[in-house]
Amino acid sequence: MRGHGPVPPDAAWPGGARIAVQIVLNYEEGGENNILHGDAGSEAFLSEIVGAAAWPGQRHWNMETIYEYGARAGFWRLHRLLADLPVTVFGVATALARGPEQVAAMQQAGWEIASHGLKWIEYKDYPPQDEAADMAAAIALHTEVTGSRPRGWYTGRCSVNTVRLAAEDGGFDYVADSYADDLPYWHQVGDGAQLIVPYTLDANDMRFATPQGFNSGDQFEAYLRDSFDCLYAEGLAGRPKMMSVGLHCRLAGRPGRIMALRRFLDHARAQDGVWFATRAQIADHWAKTHPWRDIARPSRMDRAEFVAAFGGIYEHSPWVADAAFDLELGPAHDSAAGLAHAMARAFRRAPDDARLAVLRAHPDLAGKLAAARRLTADSTVEQSSAGLDALTDAERARFTELNDAYVAKHGFPFIIAVRDHDKAAILQAFERRLQNATADELAEACRQVERIAALRLAERLA
């Protein structure tokens, strides 16, 4: 749920491009459900027949001819429009095998042909071993039909196991079964990671075949254009992104829709700094510019590792880290802000006496422990950052006086995130807060403890 965080990495697209535009042509015609293909029934997905249902044990002539249109007419219309652009084909292996002329045209245009699975079918209920077998069969058939193994993988109608299976295969430069971002990202699987180049279901002509989707080419054009303009503006502001456009031969290949695509392409081509690229080119660039870094991630540590790494974040109180470990930690907590939030939750839910013990574990500012050099490493660095290790005799005497008065009144040391203040500001806060009611100071001290923890984590997890 965190992804690249509030400040995404600079994509650094080639030539300083402000946006990468990636066009996908899904070639599925001949790979759909059909009893002629050994399936249990007819296809029911992504056609002109809204609300279509599979016909068990029967051929669906209307559905078959809609798919056939994509191969016979739609592909060639799109090929003529896109032949001079870098395009990635998501090719269903059995469809490619049934379309030799189309495959030849793809290769003559220099298009990348990625794998779209063995057949255009649903995998949500497949056992993992059966899905893996189909994946292996798809790779083999794809290699046989095109002459080379696919560099990218996209099932589309995938299961929760798909990305893991593709990563475990180990032969893909990228997987596209994700809609989670406008930039590529690394997905950790076991001890390694798979590069994900996310796809789109919104800037996609499939919405011509879904309820509340596009009704006309103008709507499709407007959506593509608005998407492009938003991402292009972000690129101008120094945050370049990637735009995916999804096409299907039997949908965008219709004459009433292709003109909208042509107008969008004219608009995109008219702008400076637009990089049209295949997904393989984007994957190559990302892997080189932002390679995977196998670093220690809090959410993947066991309890002993986690407490050893973060047990000192709350002063002399490793129980806070131990309690945080039992929360629902995930990748969102692999950042300083995320982990600080989890540890603050563990601290806040603790009994009052446990929270008070954390406050009392903190040293006085510029007190006896500091003079004896017995502070924790974190406290030593923090106090020195505000100059509390280089006080005049008068300043030291004033801190001692304030420390004694504060503890006598409130029953715990004065706590402040010294990294946020200089020496003068700390003294002013000390004198002001000494006058507060103990209940108010207890709440403020707890807030300061959480702030100190956040600053320590920011340093550790930078």
Protein backbone atom coordinates (compact mmCIF):
# COMPACT_ATOMS: atom_id res chain seq x y z
CA MET A 1 0.00 0.00 0.00
CA ARG A 2 3.03 2.32 0.10
CA GLY A 3 4.75 1.69 -3.19
CA HIS A 4 7.29 4.35 -4.08
CA GLY A 5 6.03 6.57 -1.26
CA PRO A 6 5.27 10.30 -1.34
CA VAL A 7 8.35 11.11 -3.42
CA PRO A 8 8.68 8.57 -6.26
CA PRO A 9 12.07 7.94 -7.82
CA ASP A 10 13.06 9.92 -10.88
CA ALA A 11 12.28 7.65 -13.82
CA ALA A 12 15.10 9.37 -15.76
CA TRP A 13 13.58 8.30 -19.06
CA PRO A 14 16.00 8.35 -22.01
CA GLY A 15 16.64 11.78 -23.49
CA GLY A 16 15.05 13.46 -20.48
CA ALA A 17 11.57 12.45 -21.66
CA ARG A 18 8.72 13.75 -19.55
CA ILE A 19 6.53 10.71 -20.11
CA ALA A 20 6.88 7.16 -21.40
CA VAL A 21 3.94 6.04 -23.51
CA GLN A 22 3.50 2.30 -23.79
CA ILE A 23 0.98 0.83 -26.24
CA VAL A 24 -0.19 -2.73 -25.77
CA LEU A 25 -2.00 -4.66 -28.49
CA ASN A 26 -3.68 -7.72 -27.01
CA TYR A 27 -3.75 -10.54 -29.55
CA GLU A 28 -6.28 -13.05 -28.19
CA GLU A 29 -8.29 -14.05 -31.26
CA GLY A 30 -8.08 -17.81 -31.56
CA GLY A 31 -7.12 -18.28 -27.93
CA GLU A 32 -10.56 -17.66 -26.44
CA ASN A 33 -12.87 -20.25 -24.89
CA ASN A 34 -14.38 -22.38 -27.62
CA ILE A 35 -15.39 -26.03 -27.68
CA LEU A 36 -13.34 -26.28 -30.89
CA HIS A 37 -10.33 -25.57 -28.69
CA GLY A 38 -11.28 -28.30 -26.20
CA ASP A 39 -12.99 -25.92 -23.77
CA ALA A 40 -16.20 -26.66 -21.89
CA GLY A 41 -18.13 -23.81 -23.45
CA SER A 42 -18.05 -20.60 -25.43
CA GLU A 43 -16.34 -17.30 -24.62
CA ALA A 44 -18.22 -14.67 -22.60
CA PHE A 45 -15.65 -11.91 -22.07
CA LEU A 46 -14.81 -8.67 -23.91
CA SER A 47 -17.06 -8.62 -26.92
CA GLU A 48 -19.82 -6.47 -28.38
CA ILE A 49 -22.38 -8.70 -26.63
CA VAL A 50 -22.87 -6.96 -23.29
CA GLY A 51 -23.77 -9.40 -20.54
CA ALA A 52 -22.82 -12.45 -22.59
CA ALA A 53 -22.69 -15.77 -20.78
CA ALA A 54 -20.80 -18.93 -21.66
CA TRP A 55 -22.80 -21.60 -23.47
CA PRO A 56 -21.76 -24.93 -21.94
CA GLY A 57 -21.05 -27.56 -24.55
CA GLN A 58 -22.12 -25.30 -27.44
CA ARG A 59 -20.54 -23.06 -29.99
CA HIS A 60 -21.59 -19.40 -29.91
CA TRP A 61 -21.52 -18.32 -33.54
CA ASN A 62 -21.97 -14.61 -32.84
CA MET A 63 -19.17 -14.63 -30.27
CA GLU A 64 -16.87 -16.59 -32.57
CA THR A 65 -17.33 -14.15 -35.45
CA ILE A 66 -16.75 -11.11 -33.20
CA TYR A 67 -13.39 -12.60 -32.20
CA GLU A 68 -12.73 -13.55 -35.80
CA TYR A 69 -13.22 -9.90 -36.79
CA GLY A 70 -10.27 -9.00 -34.60
CA ALA A 71 -7.96 -11.31 -36.54
CA ARG A 72 -9.40 -10.75 -40.01
CA ALA A 73 -9.88 -6.96 -40.00
CA GLY A 74 -9.16 -5.25 -36.67
CA PHE A 75 -5.56 -6.37 -36.40
CA TRP A 76 -4.65 -5.09 -39.85
CA ARG A 77 -6.33 -1.73 -39.30
CA LEU A 78 -4.38 -1.27 -36.07
CA HIS A 79 -1.21 -2.54 -37.69
CA ARG A 80 -1.41 0.12 -40.38
CA LEU A 81 -1.87 2.82 -37.73
CA LEU A 82 0.82 1.61 -35.33
CA ALA A 83 3.43 0.03 -37.58
CA ASP A 84 5.91 2.88 -37.10
CA LEU A 85 5.59 2.93 -33.29
CA PRO A 86 7.16 0.70 -30.62
CA VAL A 87 4.35 -1.63 -29.54
CA THR A 88 4.18 -4.55 -27.13
CA VAL A 89 1.89 -7.36 -28.15
CA PHE A 90 0.33 -9.40 -25.38
CA GLY A 91 0.06 -12.56 -27.44
CA VAL A 92 -1.95 -15.57 -26.28
CA ALA A 93 0.23 -18.47 -27.40
CA THR A 94 -2.56 -20.49 -29.03
CA ALA A 95 -3.84 -17.36 -30.78
CA LEU A 96 -0.36 -16.61 -32.14
CA ALA A 97 -0.10 -20.18 -33.38
CA ARG A 98 -3.36 -19.68 -35.29
CA GLY A 99 -2.25 -16.33 -36.77
CA PRO A 100 0.99 -16.83 -38.73
CA GLU A 101 0.47 -13.82 -41.01
CA GLN A 102 -0.27 -11.57 -38.06
CA VAL A 103 2.83 -12.79 -36.23
CA ALA A 104 4.95 -12.10 -39.29
CA ALA A 105 3.53 -8.57 -39.49
CA MET A 106 4.27 -7.97 -35.80
CA GLN A 107 7.86 -9.03 -36.27
CA GLN A 108 8.32 -7.01 -39.46
CA ALA A 109 7.16 -3.93 -37.55
CA GLY A 110 9.74 -4.65 -34.84
CA TRP A 111 7.11 -5.06 -32.16
CA GLU A 112 7.86 -6.87 -28.92
CA ILE A 113 5.73 -9.99 -28.50
CA ALA A 114 5.19 -10.78 -24.83
CA SER A 115 3.27 -13.78 -23.54
CA HIS A 116 -0.40 -13.47 -22.70
CA GLY A 117 -0.61 -17.05 -21.49
CA LEU A 118 -1.50 -20.31 -23.16
CA LYS A 119 -5.20 -19.57 -23.64
CA TRP A 120 -7.43 -16.56 -22.96
CA ILE A 121 -9.12 -18.18 -19.97
CA GLU A 122 -9.75 -17.53 -16.28
CA TYR A 123 -7.16 -18.85 -13.80
CA LYS A 124 -8.63 -17.80 -10.45
CA ASP A 125 -9.70 -21.36 -9.56
CA TYR A 126 -6.70 -23.19 -11.03
CA PRO A 127 -4.44 -25.18 -8.69
CA PRO A 128 -0.96 -23.60 -8.76
CA GLN A 129 0.63 -26.66 -10.33
CA ASP A 130 -1.87 -26.60 -13.21
CA GLU A 131 -1.34 -22.88 -13.79
CA ALA A 132 2.43 -23.44 -13.74
CA ALA A 133 2.04 -26.23 -16.30
CA ASP A 134 0.05 -23.93 -18.59
CA MET A 135 2.69 -21.22 -18.15
CA ALA A 136 5.42 -23.64 -19.20
CA ALA A 137 3.34 -24.78 -22.18
CA ALA A 138 2.72 -21.15 -23.18
CA ILE A 139 6.45 -20.36 -23.09
CA ALA A 140 7.25 -23.41 -25.18
CA LEU A 141 4.57 -22.69 -27.79
CA HIS A 142 5.43 -18.98 -27.89
CA THR A 143 9.09 -19.82 -28.51
CA GLU A 144 8.13 -22.27 -31.23
CA VAL A 145 5.80 -19.81 -32.98
CA THR A 146 7.88 -16.62 -32.73
CA GLY A 147 11.40 -18.05 -32.66
CA SER A 148 12.33 -16.64 -29.25
CA ARG A 149 11.24 -16.90 -25.64
CA PRO A 150 8.95 -14.06 -24.40
CA ARG A 151 10.68 -11.46 -22.24
CA GLY A 152 7.45 -10.34 -20.58
CA TRP A 153 4.43 -12.06 -19.09
CA TYR A 154 0.79 -11.00 -18.65
CA THR A 155 -1.96 -13.48 -17.85
CA GLY A 156 -4.71 -10.89 -17.41
CA ARG A 157 -7.37 -13.23 -16.07
CA CYS A 158 -4.90 -14.27 -13.41
CA SER A 159 -4.91 -15.93 -10.02
CA VAL A 160 -3.29 -14.83 -6.79
CA ASN A 161 -0.43 -17.19 -7.68
CA THR A 162 0.37 -15.80 -11.12
CA VAL A 163 3.07 -13.26 -10.28
CA ARG A 164 4.79 -15.66 -7.91
CA LEU A 165 4.78 -18.43 -10.52
CA ALA A 166 6.16 -16.09 -13.18
CA ALA A 167 8.88 -14.90 -10.80
CA GLU A 168 9.78 -18.46 -9.86
CA ASP A 169 10.11 -19.34 -13.54
CA GLY A 170 12.96 -16.85 -13.50
CA GLY A 171 12.98 -16.13 -17.21
CA PHE A 172 10.96 -12.92 -17.46
CA ASP A 173 12.44 -9.45 -17.55
CA TYR A 174 9.09 -8.13 -16.36
CA VAL A 175 5.59 -9.18 -15.36
CA ALA A 176 2.61 -6.96 -16.17
CA ASP A 177 -0.08 -8.53 -13.97
CA SER A 178 -0.51 -5.46 -11.78
CA TYR A 179 -2.41 -2.20 -11.96
CA ALA A 180 -0.80 -0.74 -8.85
CA ASP A 181 1.33 2.16 -10.08
CA ASP A 182 2.29 4.59 -12.83
CA LEU A 183 5.90 3.42 -12.60
CA PRO A 184 7.64 0.04 -12.63
CA TYR A 185 8.51 -1.46 -9.28
CA TRP A 186 10.25 -4.48 -7.78
CA HIS A 187 8.16 -7.21 -6.16
CA GLN A 188 10.06 -9.41 -3.74
CA VAL A 189 9.47 -13.15 -4.12
CA GLY A 190 11.45 -15.38 -1.80
CA ASP A 191 15.06 -14.22 -1.75
CA GLY A 192 14.81 -12.47 -5.11
CA ALA A 193 12.63 -9.91 -6.82
CA GLN A 194 10.59 -9.65 -10.00
CA LEU A 195 10.33 -6.41 -11.92
CA ILE A 196 6.70 -5.37 -12.39
CA VAL A 197 5.78 -3.08 -15.27
CA PRO A 198 2.15 -2.31 -14.40
CA TYR A 199 -0.64 -2.40 -16.95
CA THR A 200 -3.95 -0.52 -17.14
CA LEU A 201 -7.63 -1.37 -17.17
CA ASP A 202 -8.81 2.23 -17.38
CA ALA A 203 -6.92 3.65 -20.38
CA ASN A 204 -8.05 0.53 -22.15
CA ASP A 205 -10.49 -0.11 -24.96
CA MET A 206 -11.95 -3.02 -22.95
CA ARG A 207 -14.24 -0.39 -21.44
CA PHE A 208 -16.16 -0.42 -24.71
CA ALA A 209 -17.29 -3.89 -23.63
CA THR A 210 -18.11 -3.22 -19.98
CA PRO A 211 -21.08 -1.57 -18.25
CA GLN A 212 -20.53 2.15 -17.60
CA GLY A 213 -17.65 2.06 -20.02
CA PHE A 214 -16.95 4.05 -23.19
CA ASN A 215 -19.97 4.49 -25.48
CA SER A 216 -18.20 6.36 -28.25
CA GLY A 217 -14.78 6.99 -29.65
CA ASP A 218 -14.90 10.56 -28.34
CA GLN A 219 -15.09 9.29 -24.76
CA PHE A 220 -12.12 7.00 -25.34
CA GLU A 221 -10.10 9.82 -26.90
CA ALA A 222 -10.96 12.24 -24.09
CA TYR A 223 -9.95 9.73 -21.44
CA LEU A 224 -6.63 8.93 -23.12
CA ARG A 225 -5.91 12.58 -23.70
CA ASP A 226 -6.70 13.58 -20.11
CA SER A 227 -4.56 10.74 -18.79
CA PHE A 228 -1.68 11.78 -21.01
CA ASP A 229 -2.00 15.48 -20.10
CA CYS A 230 -2.01 14.74 -16.36
CA LEU A 231 1.06 12.51 -16.54
CA TYR A 232 2.83 14.87 -18.94
CA ALA A 233 2.28 17.77 -16.50
CA GLU A 234 3.72 15.65 -13.69
CA GLY A 235 6.72 14.99 -15.91
CA LEU A 236 7.17 18.71 -16.48
CA ALA A 237 7.14 19.12 -12.69
CA GLY A 238 10.02 16.67 -12.36
CA ARG A 239 8.05 13.48 -11.66
CA PRO A 240 8.06 11.55 -14.96
CA LYS A 241 5.63 8.64 -15.18
CA MET A 242 4.56 5.93 -17.61
CA MET A 243 1.25 5.75 -19.46
CA SER A 244 -0.08 2.41 -20.62
CA VAL A 245 -2.69 2.19 -23.38
CA GLY A 246 -4.48 -1.13 -23.77
CA LEU A 247 -5.95 -2.15 -27.15
CA HIS A 248 -7.75 -5.21 -28.52
CA CYS A 249 -8.01 -6.06 -32.19
CA ARG A 250 -11.78 -6.78 -32.04
CA LEU A 251 -12.50 -3.59 -30.06
CA ALA A 252 -10.24 -0.67 -31.01
CA GLY A 253 -9.87 -2.22 -34.47
CA ARG A 254 -13.44 -1.23 -35.33
CA PRO A 255 -13.71 1.75 -37.70
CA GLY A 256 -15.89 3.71 -35.27
CA ARG A 257 -13.16 3.63 -32.63
CA ILE A 258 -9.82 3.73 -34.38
CA MET A 259 -10.16 7.37 -35.36
CA ALA A 260 -10.26 8.28 -31.67
CA LEU A 261 -7.00 6.41 -31.18
CA ARG A 262 -5.50 8.20 -34.18
CA ARG A 263 -6.44 11.61 -32.75
CA PHE A 264 -4.94 10.72 -29.38
CA LEU A 265 -1.68 9.60 -31.00
CA ASP A 266 -1.53 12.85 -32.98
CA HIS A 267 -1.89 14.78 -29.73
CA ALA A 268 0.81 12.78 -27.94
CA ARG A 269 3.22 12.97 -30.85
CA ALA A 270 2.84 16.74 -31.02
CA GLN A 271 4.39 17.20 -27.55
CA ASP A 272 8.10 17.42 -26.82
CA GLY A 273 9.76 14.88 -24.57
CA VAL A 274 7.52 11.87 -25.22
CA TRP A 275 9.20 8.48 -25.24
CA PHE A 276 7.20 5.80 -27.03
CA ALA A 277 8.63 2.47 -25.88
CA THR A 278 7.94 -1.21 -25.62
CA ARG A 279 7.54 -2.74 -22.21
CA ALA A 280 10.82 -4.58 -22.67
CA GLN A 281 12.59 -1.26 -23.30
CA ILE A 282 11.02 0.22 -20.18
CA ALA A 283 12.03 -2.87 -18.17
CA ASP A 284 15.62 -2.65 -19.43
CA HIS A 285 15.81 1.03 -18.54
CA TRP A 286 14.31 0.57 -15.07
CA ALA A 287 16.50 -2.40 -14.18
CA LYS A 288 19.58 -0.39 -15.14
CA THR A 289 18.51 2.90 -13.56
CA HIS A 290 16.80 1.53 -10.45
CA PRO A 291 18.18 -1.96 -9.84
CA TRP A 292 16.80 -4.16 -7.11
CA ARG A 293 18.48 -3.63 -3.74
CA ASP A 294 18.20 -6.51 -1.30
CA ILE A 295 18.16 -4.57 1.96
CA ALA A 296 16.92 -5.59 5.39
CA ARG A 297 13.21 -4.83 5.48
CA PRO A 298 11.41 -4.67 8.85
CA SER A 299 8.32 -6.48 7.57
CA ARG A 300 10.40 -9.48 6.52
CA MET A 301 12.36 -9.86 9.79
CA ASP A 302 11.60 -12.49 12.38
CA ARG A 303 10.85 -11.34 15.93
CA ALA A 304 14.40 -11.66 17.24
CA GLU A 305 15.85 -9.70 14.30
CA PHE A 306 13.16 -7.04 14.60
CA VAL A 307 13.62 -6.47 18.31
CA ALA A 308 17.41 -6.49 17.96
CA ALA A 309 17.20 -3.85 15.22
CA PHE A 310 14.55 -1.58 16.77
CA GLY A 311 14.43 -2.43 20.47
CA GLY A 312 16.36 0.73 21.34
CA ILE A 313 14.14 3.13 19.43
CA TYR A 314 12.10 3.71 22.58
CA GLU A 315 14.67 4.39 25.30
CA HIS A 316 15.54 1.21 27.22
CA SER A 317 12.11 -0.23 26.26
CA PRO A 318 12.46 -3.12 23.79
CA TRP A 319 8.94 -4.24 24.67
CA VAL A 320 7.59 -1.52 22.35
CA ALA A 321 9.30 -3.13 19.36
CA ASP A 322 8.17 -6.56 20.53
CA ALA A 323 4.55 -5.36 20.69
CA ALA A 324 4.81 -3.62 17.32
CA PHE A 325 5.98 -6.88 15.76
CA ASP A 326 2.59 -8.40 16.60
CA LEU A 327 0.75 -5.77 14.56
CA GLU A 328 -0.08 -6.29 10.90
CA LEU A 329 3.32 -5.30 9.56
CA GLY A 330 3.76 -5.19 5.80
CA PRO A 331 5.72 -3.31 3.13
CA ALA A 332 4.00 -0.08 4.20
CA HIS A 333 6.01 -0.36 7.44
CA ASP A 334 9.37 -0.70 5.71
CA SER A 335 9.64 3.09 5.68
CA ALA A 336 10.60 5.26 8.63
CA ALA A 337 7.14 6.83 8.75
CA GLY A 338 5.40 3.47 8.51
CA LEU A 339 7.45 1.80 11.22
CA ALA A 340 7.21 4.86 13.47
CA HIS A 341 3.44 4.64 13.18
CA ALA A 342 3.39 0.95 14.10
CA MET A 343 5.63 1.50 17.12
CA ALA A 344 3.58 4.51 18.22
CA ARG A 345 0.45 2.33 18.09
CA ALA A 346 2.15 -0.27 20.30
CA PHE A 347 3.21 2.47 22.72
CA ARG A 348 -0.24 4.13 22.81
CA ARG A 349 -2.13 0.91 23.49
CA ALA A 350 0.12 -0.03 26.44
CA PRO A 351 -1.06 0.36 30.08
CA ASP A 352 -0.39 3.70 31.76
CA ASP A 353 2.29 2.26 34.03
CA ALA A 354 4.21 0.83 31.05
CA ARG A 355 4.08 4.16 29.24
CA LEU A 356 5.23 5.97 32.37
CA ALA A 357 8.15 3.53 32.65
CA VAL A 358 9.23 4.54 29.13
CA LEU A 359 9.22 8.20 30.16
CA ARG A 360 11.26 7.45 33.27
CA ALA A 361 13.77 5.50 31.18
CA HIS A 362 14.79 8.74 29.48
CA PRO A 363 17.80 10.60 30.87
CA ASP A 364 17.79 14.14 32.17
CA LEU A 365 18.96 16.70 29.65
CA ALA A 366 22.64 17.49 30.25
CA GLY A 367 22.36 15.56 33.51
CA LYS A 368 24.54 13.20 35.51
CA LEU A 369 24.37 10.35 32.98
CA ALA A 370 25.57 12.66 30.23
CA ALA A 371 28.41 13.89 32.40
CA ALA A 372 29.40 10.31 33.16
CA ARG A 373 29.12 9.40 29.46
CA ARG A 374 26.53 6.73 30.25
CA LEU A 375 23.85 7.78 27.78
CA THR A 376 22.71 5.44 25.03
CA ALA A 377 24.34 6.05 21.67
CA ASP A 378 21.14 7.65 20.35
CA SER A 379 20.77 9.98 23.32
CA THR A 380 24.44 10.96 23.14
CA VAL A 381 24.14 11.97 19.49
CA GLU A 382 20.84 13.75 20.08
CA GLN A 383 21.99 15.82 23.03
CA SER A 384 25.23 16.76 21.31
CA SER A 385 23.31 17.83 18.19
CA ALA A 386 21.75 20.63 20.26
CA GLY A 387 25.02 21.57 21.94
CA LEU A 388 24.05 20.08 25.30
CA ASP A 389 27.48 18.47 25.57
CA ALA A 390 29.19 21.87 25.51
CA LEU A 391 27.44 23.94 28.16
CA THR A 392 28.88 26.77 30.19
CA ASP A 393 28.93 26.34 33.94
CA ALA A 394 25.95 28.68 34.22
CA GLU A 395 23.98 26.75 31.60
CA ARG A 396 24.77 23.43 33.24
CA ALA A 397 23.63 24.75 36.59
CA ARG A 398 20.37 26.01 35.05
CA PHE A 399 19.67 22.64 33.41
CA THR A 400 20.34 20.86 36.71
CA GLU A 401 17.96 23.21 38.51
CA LEU A 402 15.23 22.70 35.90
CA ASN A 403 15.71 18.93 35.79
CA ASP A 404 15.33 18.65 39.57
CA ALA A 405 12.28 20.92 39.66
CA TYR A 406 10.57 19.14 36.77
CA VAL A 407 11.03 15.62 38.19
CA ALA A 408 9.93 16.79 41.63
CA LYS A 409 6.72 18.23 40.19
CA HIS A 410 5.80 15.68 37.51
CA GLY A 411 7.54 12.45 38.53
CA PHE A 412 9.36 11.84 35.24
CA PRO A 413 12.15 13.58 33.30
CA PHE A 414 11.61 16.48 30.94
CA ILE A 415 11.47 14.99 27.44
CA ILE A 416 11.82 16.91 24.20
CA ALA A 417 12.94 15.93 20.72
CA VAL A 418 16.17 17.90 20.88
CA ARG A 419 16.88 17.44 17.17
CA ASP A 420 13.96 19.80 16.48
CA HIS A 421 15.44 22.63 18.62
CA ASP A 422 18.56 24.54 19.47
CA LYS A 423 19.84 25.02 23.01
CA ALA A 424 18.00 28.31 23.56
CA ALA A 425 14.68 26.90 22.35
CA ILE A 426 15.09 23.85 24.60
CA LEU A 427 15.61 26.06 27.64
CA GLN A 428 12.57 28.16 26.76
CA ALA A 429 10.40 25.04 26.37
CA PHE A 430 11.78 23.64 29.63
CA GLU A 431 10.87 26.76 31.59
CA ARG A 432 7.43 27.02 29.99
CA ARG A 433 6.45 23.37 30.40
CA LEU A 434 7.59 23.26 34.01
CA GLN A 435 4.51 25.35 34.77
CA ASN A 436 2.05 22.93 33.12
CA ALA A 437 -0.25 20.53 34.91
CA THR A 438 1.15 17.00 35.24
CA ALA A 439 -1.63 15.48 33.12
CA ASP A 440 -0.82 17.87 30.29
CA GLU A 441 2.89 17.20 30.62
CA LEU A 442 2.32 13.45 30.58
CA ALA A 443 0.51 13.75 27.25
CA GLU A 444 3.19 16.09 25.86
CA ALA A 445 6.03 13.85 27.02
CA CYS A 446 4.42 10.87 25.27
CA ARG A 447 4.15 12.91 22.07
CA GLN A 448 7.80 13.86 22.35
CA VAL A 449 8.80 10.22 22.90
CA GLU A 450 6.99 9.30 19.67
CA ARG A 451 8.70 12.17 17.86
CA ILE A 452 12.13 11.05 19.10
CA ALA A 453 11.36 7.53 17.88
CA ALA A 454 10.33 8.84 14.46
CA LEU A 455 13.58 10.80 14.13
CA ARG A 456 15.66 7.78 15.15
CA LEU A 457 13.88 5.59 12.60
CA ALA A 458 14.34 8.21 9.88
CA GLU A 459 18.08 7.97 10.47
CA ARG A 460 18.14 4.17 10.51
CA LEU A 461 15.88 3.62 7.51
CA ALA A 462 17.00 6.47 5.30
